[in-house]
PDB file of N, CA and C in Angstrom:
ATOM      1  N   MET A   1       0.816  -1.266   0.106  1.00  0.00           N
ATOM      2  CA  MET A   1      -0.162  -0.100  -0.023  1.00  0.00           C
ATOM      3  C   MET A   1       0.946   1.309   0.106  1.00  0.00           C
ATOM      4  N   PRO A   2       0.566   2.289  -0.833  1.00  0.00           N
ATOM      5  CA  PRO A   2       1.588   3.386  -0.947  1.00  0.00           C
ATOM      6  C   PRO A   2       1.388   4.215   0.302  1.00  0.00           C
ATOM      7  N   ASP A   3       2.563   4.917   0.524  1.00  0.00           N
ATOM      8  CA  ASP A   3       2.463   5.795   1.704  1.00  0.00           C
ATOM      9  C   ASP A   3       1.817   7.188   1.486  1.00  0.00           C
ATOM     10  N   LYS A   4       0.821   7.729   2.404  1.00  0.00           N
ATOM     11  CA  LYS A   4      -0.207   8.793   1.866  1.00  0.00           C
ATOM     12  C   LYS A   4       0.601   9.974   2.115  1.00  0.00           C
ATOM     13  N   THR A   5       1.490   9.986   2.652  1.00  0.00           N
ATOM     14  CA  THR A   5       2.307  11.165   2.872  1.00  0.00           C
ATOM     15  C   THR A   5       3.306  11.540   1.587  1.00  0.00           C
ATOM     16  N   THR A   6       3.530  10.552   0.851  1.00  0.00           N
ATOM     17  CA  THR A   6       4.125  11.091  -0.361  1.00  0.00           C
ATOM     18  C   THR A   6       3.375  11.681  -1.349  1.00  0.00           C
ATOM     19  N   PRO A   7       3.694  12.540  -1.820  1.00  0.00           N
ATOM     20  CA  PRO A   7       3.026  13.367  -3.053  1.00  0.00           C
ATOM     21  C   PRO A   7       2.944  12.556  -4.301  1.00  0.00           C
ATOM     22  N   THR A   8       1.830  12.613  -5.101  1.00  0.00           N
ATOM     23  CA  THR A   8       2.009  11.769  -6.333  1.00  0.00           C
ATOM     24  C   THR A   8       2.719  12.567  -7.222  1.00  0.00           C
ATOM     25  N   PRO A   9       3.168  11.849  -8.395  1.00  0.00           N
ATOM     26  CA  PRO A   9       3.968  12.784  -9.553  1.00  0.00           C
ATOM     27  C   PRO A   9       3.109  13.991  -9.867  1.00  0.00           C
ATOM     28  N   ARG A  10       1.835  13.622 -10.008  1.00  0.00           N
ATOM     29  CA  ARG A  10       0.814  14.713 -10.533  1.00  0.00           C
ATOM     30  C   ARG A  10       0.825  15.974  -9.636  1.00  0.00           C
ATOM     31  N   ALA A  11       0.846  15.744  -8.388  1.00  0.00           N
ATOM     32  CA  ALA A  11       0.893  16.927  -7.172  1.00  0.00           C
ATOM     33  C   ALA A  11       2.133  17.506  -7.293  1.00  0.00           C
ATOM     34  N   VAL A  12       3.156  16.822  -7.562  1.00  0.00           N
ATOM     35  CA  VAL A  12       4.578  17.505  -7.581  1.00  0.00           C
ATOM     36  C   VAL A  12       4.547  18.243  -8.593  1.00  0.00           C
ATOM     37  N   PHE A  13       4.056  17.757  -9.801  1.00  0.00           N
ATOM     38  CA  PHE A  13       4.035  18.652 -11.083  1.00  0.00           C
ATOM     39  C   PHE A  13       3.416  19.940 -10.853  1.00  0.00           C
ATOM     40  N   LEU A  14       2.334  19.780 -10.241  1.00  0.00           N
ATOM     41  CA  LEU A  14       1.356  20.998 -10.096  1.00  0.00           C
ATOM     42  C   LEU A  14       1.810  21.798  -8.883  1.00  0.00           C
ATOM     43  N   ARG A  15       2.586  21.556  -8.011  1.00  0.00           N
ATOM     44  CA  ARG A  15       3.390  22.613  -7.321  1.00  0.00           C
ATOM     45  C   ARG A  15       4.402  23.174  -7.772  1.00  0.00           C
ATOM     46  N   ARG A  16       5.352  22.267  -8.566  1.00  0.00           N
ATOM     47  CA  ARG A  16       6.320  23.178  -9.302  1.00  0.00           C
ATOM     48  C   ARG A  16       5.616  24.141 -10.336  1.00  0.00           C
ATOM     49  N   ARG A  17       4.710  23.738 -10.982  1.00  0.00           N
ATOM     50  CA  ARG A  17       4.155  24.725 -11.897  1.00  0.00           C
ATOM     51  C   ARG A  17       3.648  25.921 -11.131  1.00  0.00           C
ATOM     52  N   ALA A  18       3.168  25.697 -10.102  1.00  0.00           N
ATOM     53  CA  ALA A  18       2.335  26.891  -9.435  1.00  0.00           C
ATOM     54  C   ALA A  18       3.611  27.811  -8.818  1.00  0.00           C
ATOM     55  N   LEU A  19       4.817  27.310  -8.428  1.00  0.00           N
ATOM     56  CA  LEU A  19       6.017  27.997  -8.020  1.00  0.00           C
ATOM     57  C   LEU A  19       6.525  28.821  -9.396  1.00  0.00           C
ATOM     58  N   VAL A  20       6.792  28.168 -10.192  1.00  0.00           N
ATOM     59  CA  VAL A  20       7.364  28.816 -11.382  1.00  0.00           C
ATOM     60  C   VAL A  20       6.250  29.819 -11.921  1.00  0.00           C
ATOM     61  N   LEU A  21       5.175  29.747 -11.861  1.00  0.00           N
ATOM     62  CA  LEU A  21       4.350  31.065 -11.922  1.00  0.00           C
ATOM     63  C   LEU A  21       4.328  32.081 -11.063  1.00  0.00           C
ATOM     64  N   LEU A  22       4.692  31.691  -9.985  1.00  0.00           N
ATOM     65  CA  LEU A  22       4.388  32.651  -8.785  1.00  0.00           C
ATOM     66  C   LEU A  22       5.740  33.478  -8.996  1.00  0.00           C
ATOM     67  N   LEU A  23       7.005  32.741  -9.279  1.00  0.00           N
ATOM     68  CA  LEU A  23       8.362  33.269  -9.631  1.00  0.00           C
ATOM     69  C   LEU A  23       8.358  34.298 -10.641  1.00  0.00           C
ATOM     70  N   ILE A  24       7.756  34.054 -12.035  1.00  0.00           N
ATOM     71  CA  ILE A  24       7.426  34.794 -12.988  1.00  0.00           C
ATOM     72  C   ILE A  24       6.635  35.874 -12.634  1.00  0.00           C
ATOM     73  N   VAL A  25       5.712  35.982 -12.038  1.00  0.00           N
ATOM     74  CA  VAL A  25       4.497  37.029 -11.357  1.00  0.00           C
ATOM     75  C   VAL A  25       5.507  38.029 -10.645  1.00  0.00           C
ATOM     76  N   VAL A  26       6.483  37.533  -9.667  1.00  0.00           N
ATOM     77  CA  VAL A  26       7.300  38.503  -8.786  1.00  0.00           C
ATOM     78  C   VAL A  26       8.236  39.130  -9.917  1.00  0.00           C
ATOM     79  N   ALA A  27       8.985  38.337 -10.576  1.00  0.00           N
ATOM     80  CA  ALA A  27       9.932  38.820 -11.367  1.00  0.00           C
ATOM     81  C   ALA A  27       9.266  40.148 -12.429  1.00  0.00           C
ATOM     82  N   LEU A  28       8.084  39.920 -12.874  1.00  0.00           N
ATOM     83  CA  LEU A  28       7.537  40.633 -13.631  1.00  0.00           C
ATOM     84  C   LEU A  28       7.193  42.142 -12.934  1.00  0.00           C
ATOM     85  N   LEU A  29       6.507  41.840 -11.529  1.00  0.00           N
ATOM     86  CA  LEU A  29       6.260  42.962 -10.693  1.00  0.00           C
ATOM     87  C   LEU A  29       7.558  43.804 -10.391  1.00  0.00           C
ATOM     88  N   SER A  30       8.665  43.180 -10.121  1.00  0.00           N
ATOM     89  CA  SER A  30      10.031  43.667  -9.717  1.00  0.00           C
ATOM     90  C   SER A  30      10.341  44.663 -10.787  1.00  0.00           C
ATOM     91  N   VAL A  31      10.268  44.148 -12.310  1.00  0.00           N
ATOM     92  CA  VAL A  31      10.792  44.715 -13.354  1.00  0.00           C
ATOM     93  C   VAL A  31       9.821  46.231 -13.576  1.00  0.00           C
ATOM     94  N   GLY A  32       8.586  46.001 -13.344  1.00  0.00           N
ATOM     95  CA  GLY A  32       7.750  47.077 -13.404  1.00  0.00           C
ATOM     96  C   GLY A  32       7.683  48.107 -12.355  1.00  0.00           C
ATOM     97  N   ALA A  33       8.125  47.667 -11.235  1.00  0.00           N
ATOM     98  CA  ALA A  33       8.539  48.812 -10.145  1.00  0.00           C
ATOM     99  C   ALA A  33       9.662  49.410 -10.295  1.00  0.00           C
ATOM    100  N   VAL A  34      10.703  48.888 -11.163  1.00  0.00           N
ATOM    101  CA  VAL A  34      12.027  49.313 -11.347  1.00  0.00           C
ATOM    102  C   VAL A  34      11.889  50.391 -12.452  1.00  0.00           C
ATOM    103  N   VAL A  35      11.110  49.913 -13.547  1.00  0.00           N
ATOM    104  CA  VAL A  35      11.068  50.642 -14.525  1.00  0.00           C
ATOM    105  C   VAL A  35      10.115  51.970 -14.186  1.00  0.00           C
ATOM    106  N   GLY A  36       8.902  51.664 -13.662  1.00  0.00           N
ATOM    107  CA  GLY A  36       8.042  52.787 -13.053  1.00  0.00           C
ATOM    108  C   GLY A  36       8.664  53.699 -12.095  1.00  0.00           C
ATOM    109  N   GLY A  37       9.647  53.329 -11.475  1.00  0.00           N
ATOM    110  CA  GLY A  37      10.043  54.104 -10.468  1.00  0.00           C
ATOM    111  C   GLY A  37      10.883  55.087 -11.236  1.00  0.00           C
ATOM    112  N   ARG A  38      11.841  54.788 -12.231  1.00  0.00           N
ATOM    113  CA  ARG A  38      12.663  55.682 -13.116  1.00  0.00           C
ATOM    114  C   ARG A  38      11.936  57.020 -13.275  1.00  0.00           C
ATOM    115  N   GLY A  39      10.829  56.664 -13.860  1.00  0.00           N
ATOM    116  CA  GLY A  39      10.144  58.156 -14.552  1.00  0.00           C
ATOM    117  C   GLY A  39       9.250  58.840 -13.489  1.00  0.00           C
ATOM    118  N   SER A  40       9.140  58.423 -12.388  1.00  0.00           N
ATOM    119  CA  SER A  40       8.091  58.934 -11.175  1.00  0.00           C
ATOM    120  C   SER A  40       8.541  60.431 -11.005  1.00  0.00           C
ATOM    121  N   THR A  41       9.891  60.714 -10.891  1.00  0.00           N
ATOM    122  CA  THR A  41      10.336  62.054 -10.801  1.00  0.00           C
ATOM    123  C   THR A  41       9.979  62.958 -11.860  1.00  0.00           C
ATOM    124  N   ALA A  42      10.103  62.619 -13.047  1.00  0.00           N
ATOM    125  CA  ALA A  42      10.082  63.343 -14.252  1.00  0.00           C
ATOM    126  C   ALA A  42       8.365  63.436 -14.400  1.00  0.00           C
ATOM    127  N   GLU A  43       7.633  62.398 -14.097  1.00  0.00           N
ATOM    128  CA  GLU A  43       6.434  62.471 -14.271  1.00  0.00           C
ATOM    129  C   GLU A  43       5.655  63.138 -13.190  1.00  0.00           C
ATOM    130  N   ALA A  44       6.165  63.497 -12.025  1.00  0.00           N
ATOM    131  CA  ALA A  44       5.798  64.180 -10.864  1.00  0.00           C
ATOM    132  C   ALA A  44       5.899  65.584 -11.320  1.00  0.00           C
ATOM    133  N   GLY A  45       6.851  66.081 -11.954  1.00  0.00           N
ATOM    134  CA  GLY A  45       7.229  67.395 -12.504  1.00  0.00           C
ATOM    135  C   GLY A  45       6.253  67.833 -13.532  1.00  0.00           C
ATOM    136  N   LEU A  46       6.068  66.905 -14.490  1.00  0.00           N
ATOM    137  CA  LEU A  46       5.138  67.064 -15.545  1.00  0.00           C
ATOM    138  C   LEU A  46       3.898  67.193 -15.233  1.00  0.00           C
ATOM    139  N   ALA A  47       3.423  66.448 -13.994  1.00  0.00           N
ATOM    140  CA  ALA A  47       2.064  66.398 -13.742  1.00  0.00           C
ATOM    141  C   ALA A  47       1.558  67.894 -13.040  1.00  0.00           C
ATOM    142  N   SER A  48       2.402  68.575 -12.512  1.00  0.00           N
ATOM    143  CA  SER A  48       2.152  69.758 -12.319  1.00  0.00           C
ATOM    144  C   SER A  48       1.789  71.035 -13.141  1.00  0.00           C
ATOM    145  N   GLU A  49       2.344  70.504 -14.564  1.00  0.00           N
ATOM    146  CA  GLU A  49       2.093  71.461 -15.764  1.00  0.00           C
ATOM    147  C   GLU A  49       0.873  70.966 -16.563  1.00  0.00           C
ATOM    148  N   ILE A  50       0.320  70.143 -16.157  1.00  0.00           N
ATOM    149  CA  ILE A  50      -0.770  69.670 -16.942  1.00  0.00           C
ATOM    150  C   ILE A  50      -2.179  69.919 -16.280  1.00  0.00           C
ATOM    151  N   ALA A  51      -3.013  70.542 -16.824  1.00  0.00           N
ATOM    152  CA  ALA A  51      -4.315  71.038 -16.241  1.00  0.00           C
ATOM    153  C   ALA A  51      -5.311  69.933 -16.695  1.00  0.00           C
ATOM    154  N   GLY A  52      -5.040  69.235 -17.908  1.00  0.00           N
ATOM    155  CA  GLY A  52      -6.204  68.095 -18.216  1.00  0.00           C
ATOM    156  C   GLY A  52      -5.766  67.752 -19.870  1.00  0.00           C
ATOM    157  N   GLN A  53      -6.553  67.131 -20.520  1.00  0.00           N
ATOM    158  CA  GLN A  53      -6.256  66.743 -21.683  1.00  0.00           C
ATOM    159  C   GLN A  53      -7.679  67.125 -22.789  1.00  0.00           C
ATOM    160  N   THR A  54      -7.617  66.700 -23.920  1.00  0.00           N
ATOM    161  CA  THR A  54      -8.654  66.870 -24.741  1.00  0.00           C
ATOM    162  C   THR A  54      -8.146  65.969 -26.091  1.00  0.00           C
ATOM    163  N   VAL A  55      -9.326  65.695 -27.013  1.00  0.00           N
ATOM    164  CA  VAL A  55      -9.048  64.730 -27.861  1.00  0.00           C
ATOM    165  C   VAL A  55      -9.446  65.638 -29.327  1.00  0.00           C
ATOM    166  N   LEU A  56      -8.329  65.564 -30.183  1.00  0.00           N
ATOM    167  CA  LEU A  56      -8.751  66.433 -31.270  1.00  0.00           C
ATOM    168  C   LEU A  56      -9.765  65.702 -32.124  1.00  0.00           C
ATOM    169  N   ARG A  57     -10.778  66.205 -32.676  1.00  0.00           N
ATOM    170  CA  ARG A  57     -11.771  65.520 -33.645  1.00  0.00           C
ATOM    171  C   ARG A  57     -11.701  65.600 -34.900  1.00  0.00           C
ATOM    172  N   PRO A  58     -12.051  64.913 -35.827  1.00  0.00           N
ATOM    173  CA  PRO A  58     -11.997  65.457 -37.322  1.00  0.00           C
ATOM    174  C   PRO A  58     -12.090  66.823 -37.740  1.00  0.00           C
ATOM    175  N   GLY A  59     -11.157  67.518 -38.240  1.00  0.00           N
ATOM    176  CA  GLY A  59     -11.408  68.938 -38.710  1.00  0.00           C
ATOM    177  C   GLY A  59     -10.735  69.917 -37.551  1.00  0.00           C
ATOM    178  N   ASP A  60     -10.545  69.331 -36.245  1.00  0.00           N
ATOM    179  CA  ASP A  60      -9.772  70.485 -35.295  1.00  0.00           C
ATOM    180  C   ASP A  60      -8.450  70.834 -35.744  1.00  0.00           C
ATOM    181  N   THR A  61      -8.118  71.942 -35.188  1.00  0.00           N
ATOM    182  CA  THR A  61      -6.488  72.097 -35.489  1.00  0.00           C
ATOM    183  C   THR A  61      -6.198  72.314 -33.995  1.00  0.00           C
ATOM    184  N   LEU A  62      -5.042  72.700 -33.692  1.00  0.00           N
ATOM    185  CA  LEU A  62      -4.271  73.018 -32.242  1.00  0.00           C
ATOM    186  C   LEU A  62      -4.718  74.576 -32.106  1.00  0.00           C
ATOM    187  N   TRP A  63      -5.000  75.185 -33.117  1.00  0.00           N
ATOM    188  CA  TRP A  63      -5.551  76.837 -32.935  1.00  0.00           C
ATOM    189  C   TRP A  63      -6.812  76.491 -32.356  1.00  0.00           C
ATOM    190  N   ASP A  64      -7.932  75.748 -32.868  1.00  0.00           N
ATOM    191  CA  ASP A  64      -9.097  75.645 -32.369  1.00  0.00           C
ATOM    192  C   ASP A  64      -9.155  75.072 -30.812  1.00  0.00           C
ATOM    193  N   ILE A  65      -8.046  74.193 -30.431  1.00  0.00           N
ATOM    194  CA  ILE A  65      -8.016  73.763 -29.182  1.00  0.00           C
ATOM    195  C   ILE A  65      -7.513  74.892 -28.171  1.00  0.00           C
ATOM    196  N   ALA A  66      -6.615  75.868 -28.753  1.00  0.00           N
ATOM    197  CA  ALA A  66      -5.776  76.809 -27.950  1.00  0.00           C
ATOM    198  C   ALA A  66      -7.078  77.848 -27.681  1.00  0.00           C
ATOM    199  N   VAL A  67      -7.972  78.311 -28.773  1.00  0.00           N
ATOM    200  CA  VAL A  67      -9.130  79.054 -28.517  1.00  0.00           C
ATOM    201  C   VAL A  67     -10.118  78.643 -27.534  1.00  0.00           C
ATOM    202  N   ALA A  68     -10.518  77.334 -27.470  1.00  0.00           N
ATOM    203  CA  ALA A  68     -11.340  76.819 -26.634  1.00  0.00           C
ATOM    204  C   ALA A  68     -10.949  76.709 -25.427  1.00  0.00           C
ATOM    205  N   THR A  69      -9.452  76.826 -24.955  1.00  0.00           N
ATOM    206  CA  THR A  69      -9.054  76.432 -23.749  1.00  0.00           C
ATOM    207  C   THR A  69      -8.020  77.451 -22.899  1.00  0.00           C
ATOM    208  N   ALA A  70      -7.892  78.362 -23.893  1.00  0.00           N
ATOM    209  CA  ALA A  70      -7.295  79.443 -23.192  1.00  0.00           C
ATOM    210  C   ALA A  70      -7.983  80.221 -21.984  1.00  0.00           C
ATOM    211  N   PRO A  71      -7.166  80.137 -20.841  1.00  0.00           N
ATOM    212  CA  PRO A  71      -7.843  80.656 -19.824  1.00  0.00           C
ATOM    213  C   PRO A  71      -7.860  82.199 -19.738  1.00  0.00           C
ATOM    214  N   ASP A  72      -8.743  82.893 -19.035  1.00  0.00           N
ATOM    215  CA  ASP A  72      -8.840  84.458 -18.764  1.00  0.00           C
ATOM    216  C   ASP A  72      -7.402  84.953 -18.692  1.00  0.00           C
ATOM    217  N   GLY A  73      -7.144  85.907 -19.278  1.00  0.00           N
ATOM    218  CA  GLY A  73      -5.741  86.746 -19.184  1.00  0.00           C
ATOM    219  C   GLY A  73      -4.640  85.920 -19.983  1.00  0.00           C
ATOM    220  N   ILE A  74      -4.922  84.840 -20.625  1.00  0.00           N
ATOM    221  CA  ILE A  74      -3.764  84.144 -21.361  1.00  0.00           C
ATOM    222  C   ILE A  74      -4.213  84.365 -22.894  1.00  0.00           C
ATOM    223  N   SER A  75      -3.492  84.912 -23.616  1.00  0.00           N
ATOM    224  CA  SER A  75      -3.885  84.938 -25.062  1.00  0.00           C
ATOM    225  C   SER A  75      -3.644  83.773 -25.876  1.00  0.00           C
ATOM    226  N   VAL A  76      -4.667  83.504 -26.952  1.00  0.00           N
ATOM    227  CA  VAL A  76      -4.700  82.452 -27.714  1.00  0.00           C
ATOM    228  C   VAL A  76      -3.103  82.186 -28.400  1.00  0.00           C
ATOM    229  N   GLN A  77      -2.375  83.149 -28.749  1.00  0.00           N
ATOM    230  CA  GLN A  77      -1.141  82.634 -28.956  1.00  0.00           C
ATOM    231  C   GLN A  77      -0.236  82.298 -28.104  1.00  0.00           C
ATOM    232  N   GLN A  78      -0.530  82.714 -26.636  1.00  0.00           N
ATOM    233  CA  GLN A  78       0.439  82.295 -25.685  1.00  0.00           C
ATOM    234  C   GLN A  78      -0.165  80.686 -25.163  1.00  0.00           C
ATOM    235  N   GLN A  79      -1.432  80.587 -25.329  1.00  0.00           N
ATOM    236  CA  GLN A  79      -2.012  79.106 -24.958  1.00  0.00           C
ATOM    237  C   GLN A  79      -1.467  78.217 -26.427  1.00  0.00           C
ATOM    238  N   LEU A  80      -1.274  78.539 -27.445  1.00  0.00           N
ATOM    239  CA  LEU A  80      -0.869  77.690 -28.462  1.00  0.00           C
ATOM    240  C   LEU A  80       0.386  77.518 -28.320  1.00  0.00           C
ATOM    241  N   ARG A  81       1.201  78.250 -27.907  1.00  0.00           N
ATOM    242  CA  ARG A  81       2.789  78.136 -27.452  1.00  0.00           C
ATOM    243  C   ARG A  81       3.001  77.090 -26.564  1.00  0.00           C
ATOM    244  N   ALA A  82       2.063  77.348 -25.474  1.00  0.00           N
ATOM    245  CA  ALA A  82       2.179  76.473 -24.512  1.00  0.00           C
ATOM    246  C   ALA A  82       1.637  74.912 -24.703  1.00  0.00           C
ATOM    247  N   LEU A  83       0.653  74.831 -25.693  1.00  0.00           N
ATOM    248  CA  LEU A  83       0.254  73.439 -26.170  1.00  0.00           C
ATOM    249  C   LEU A  83       1.279  72.828 -26.649  1.00  0.00           C
ATOM    250  N   GLN A  84       1.746  73.769 -27.845  1.00  0.00           N
ATOM    251  CA  GLN A  84       3.089  73.110 -28.578  1.00  0.00           C
ATOM    252  C   GLN A  84       4.270  72.573 -27.699  1.00  0.00           C
ATOM    253  N   ASP A  85       4.678  73.303 -26.915  1.00  0.00           N
ATOM    254  CA  ASP A  85       5.791  73.149 -26.007  1.00  0.00           C
ATOM    255  C   ASP A  85       5.539  71.833 -24.927  1.00  0.00           C
ATOM    256  N   LEU A  86       4.198  71.990 -24.252  1.00  0.00           N
ATOM    257  CA  LEU A  86       3.944  70.834 -23.590  1.00  0.00           C
ATOM    258  C   LEU A  86       3.724  69.410 -24.369  1.00  0.00           C
ATOM    259  N   ASN A  87       3.231  69.437 -25.483  1.00  0.00           N
ATOM    260  CA  ASN A  87       3.140  68.360 -26.326  1.00  0.00           C
ATOM    261  C   ASN A  87       4.375  67.921 -27.226  1.00  0.00           C
ATOM    262  N   GLY A  88       5.329  68.730 -27.334  1.00  0.00           N
ATOM    263  CA  GLY A  88       6.290  68.409 -28.195  1.00  0.00           C
ATOM    264  C   GLY A  88       5.885  68.583 -29.733  1.00  0.00           C
ATOM    265  N   LEU A  89       4.687  69.601 -30.001  1.00  0.00           N
ATOM    266  CA  LEU A  89       4.322  69.529 -31.247  1.00  0.00           C
ATOM    267  C   LEU A  89       5.024  70.968 -32.018  1.00  0.00           C
ATOM    268  N   ARG A  90       5.066  70.843 -33.278  1.00  0.00           N
ATOM    269  CA  ARG A  90       5.482  71.981 -34.436  1.00  0.00           C
ATOM    270  C   ARG A  90       4.696  72.265 -35.407  1.00  0.00           C
ATOM    271  N   SER A  91       3.662  71.431 -35.480  1.00  0.00           N
ATOM    272  CA  SER A  91       2.660  71.745 -36.424  1.00  0.00           C
ATOM    273  C   SER A  91       1.119  72.055 -35.930  1.00  0.00           C
ATOM    274  N   ASP A  92       0.365  73.133 -36.483  1.00  0.00           N
ATOM    275  CA  ASP A  92      -1.048  73.002 -36.208  1.00  0.00           C
ATOM    276  C   ASP A  92      -1.820  72.092 -36.521  1.00  0.00           C
ATOM    277  N   GLN A  93      -1.489  71.543 -37.703  1.00  0.00           N
ATOM    278  CA  GLN A  93      -2.417  70.382 -38.340  1.00  0.00           C
ATOM    279  C   GLN A  93      -1.890  69.205 -37.535  1.00  0.00           C
ATOM    280  N   LEU A  94      -3.154  68.435 -36.747  1.00  0.00           N
ATOM    281  CA  LEU A  94      -2.829  67.073 -36.465  1.00  0.00           C
ATOM    282  C   LEU A  94      -3.710  66.371 -36.826  1.00  0.00           C
ATOM    283  N   PRO A  95      -3.606  64.813 -36.851  1.00  0.00           N
ATOM    284  CA  PRO A  95      -4.588  63.829 -37.014  1.00  0.00           C
ATOM    285  C   PRO A  95      -5.475  63.990 -36.186  1.00  0.00           C
ATOM    286  N   ALA A  96      -6.563  63.516 -36.486  1.00  0.00           N
ATOM    287  CA  ALA A  96      -7.900  63.381 -35.736  1.00  0.00           C
ATOM    288  C   ALA A  96      -7.552  62.204 -34.411  1.00  0.00           C
ATOM    289  N   TRP A  97      -8.331  62.511 -33.401  1.00  0.00           N
ATOM    290  CA  TRP A  97      -8.140  61.562 -32.286  1.00  0.00           C
ATOM    291  C   TRP A  97      -6.795  61.936 -31.579  1.00  0.00           C
ATOM    292  N   THR A  98      -5.865  62.602 -31.878  1.00  0.00           N
ATOM    293  CA  THR A  98      -4.653  62.846 -31.039  1.00  0.00           C
ATOM    294  C   THR A  98      -5.021  63.715 -29.781  1.00  0.00           C
ATOM    295  N   ILE A  99      -4.726  62.845 -28.646  1.00  0.00           N
ATOM    296  CA  ILE A  99      -4.810  63.475 -27.277  1.00  0.00           C
ATOM    297  C   ILE A  99      -3.880  64.599 -27.169  1.00  0.00           C
ATOM    298  N   VAL A 100      -4.332  65.784 -26.705  1.00  0.00           N
ATOM    299  CA  VAL A 100      -3.446  66.870 -26.428  1.00  0.00           C
ATOM    300  C   VAL A 100      -3.610  67.252 -24.846  1.00  0.00           C
ATOM    301  N   LEU A 101      -2.324  67.402 -24.316  1.00  0.00           N
ATOM    302  CA  LEU A 101      -2.350  67.853 -22.874  1.00  0.00           C
ATOM    303  C   LEU A 101      -2.586  69.103 -22.561  1.00  0.00           C
ATOM    304  N   LEU A 102      -3.296  69.641 -21.923  1.00  0.00           N
ATOM    305  CA  LEU A 102      -3.627  71.125 -21.610  1.00  0.00           C
ATOM    306  C   LEU A 102      -2.720  71.537 -20.506  1.00  0.00           C
ATOM    307  N   PRO A 103      -1.947  72.799 -20.719  1.00  0.00           N
ATOM    308  CA  PRO A 103      -1.195  73.381 -19.879  1.00  0.00           C
ATOM    309  C   PRO A 103      -1.940  74.017 -18.490  1.00  0.00           C
ATOM    310  N   ALA A 104      -1.413  73.789 -17.364  1.00  0.00           N
ATOM    311  CA  ALA A 104      -1.745  74.332 -16.089  1.00  0.00           C
ATOM    312  C   ALA A 104      -1.118  75.835 -16.103  1.00  0.00           C
ATOM    313  N   TRP A 105      -2.052  76.738 -15.971  1.00  0.00           N
ATOM    314  CA  TRP A 105      -1.205  78.086 -15.679  1.00  0.00           C
ATOM    315  C   TRP A 105      -1.266  78.667 -14.505  1.00  0.00           C
TER     316      TRP A 105
END
């Protein structure tokens, strides 16, 4: 009669498989924490410059977004320059569905 304390080969296989899966998850989380941690300081500085975001619809231009989002006391030209600088854009014509970050003044 087999000893009931000795695991079956299938149980050993399942335990090893679970252990390997656990190690893979831990490794991926560790890599994510390291990679995510590198940009956190830069992202924190950038977050203070962002007031929100908008999406360009077909036919919209960056000028249209500047006109619609320029706060009181900020000219459309200043808003346009801020939009270009914040988003790294050099053209007023952008493809539809482009996400545009809005500057915080």
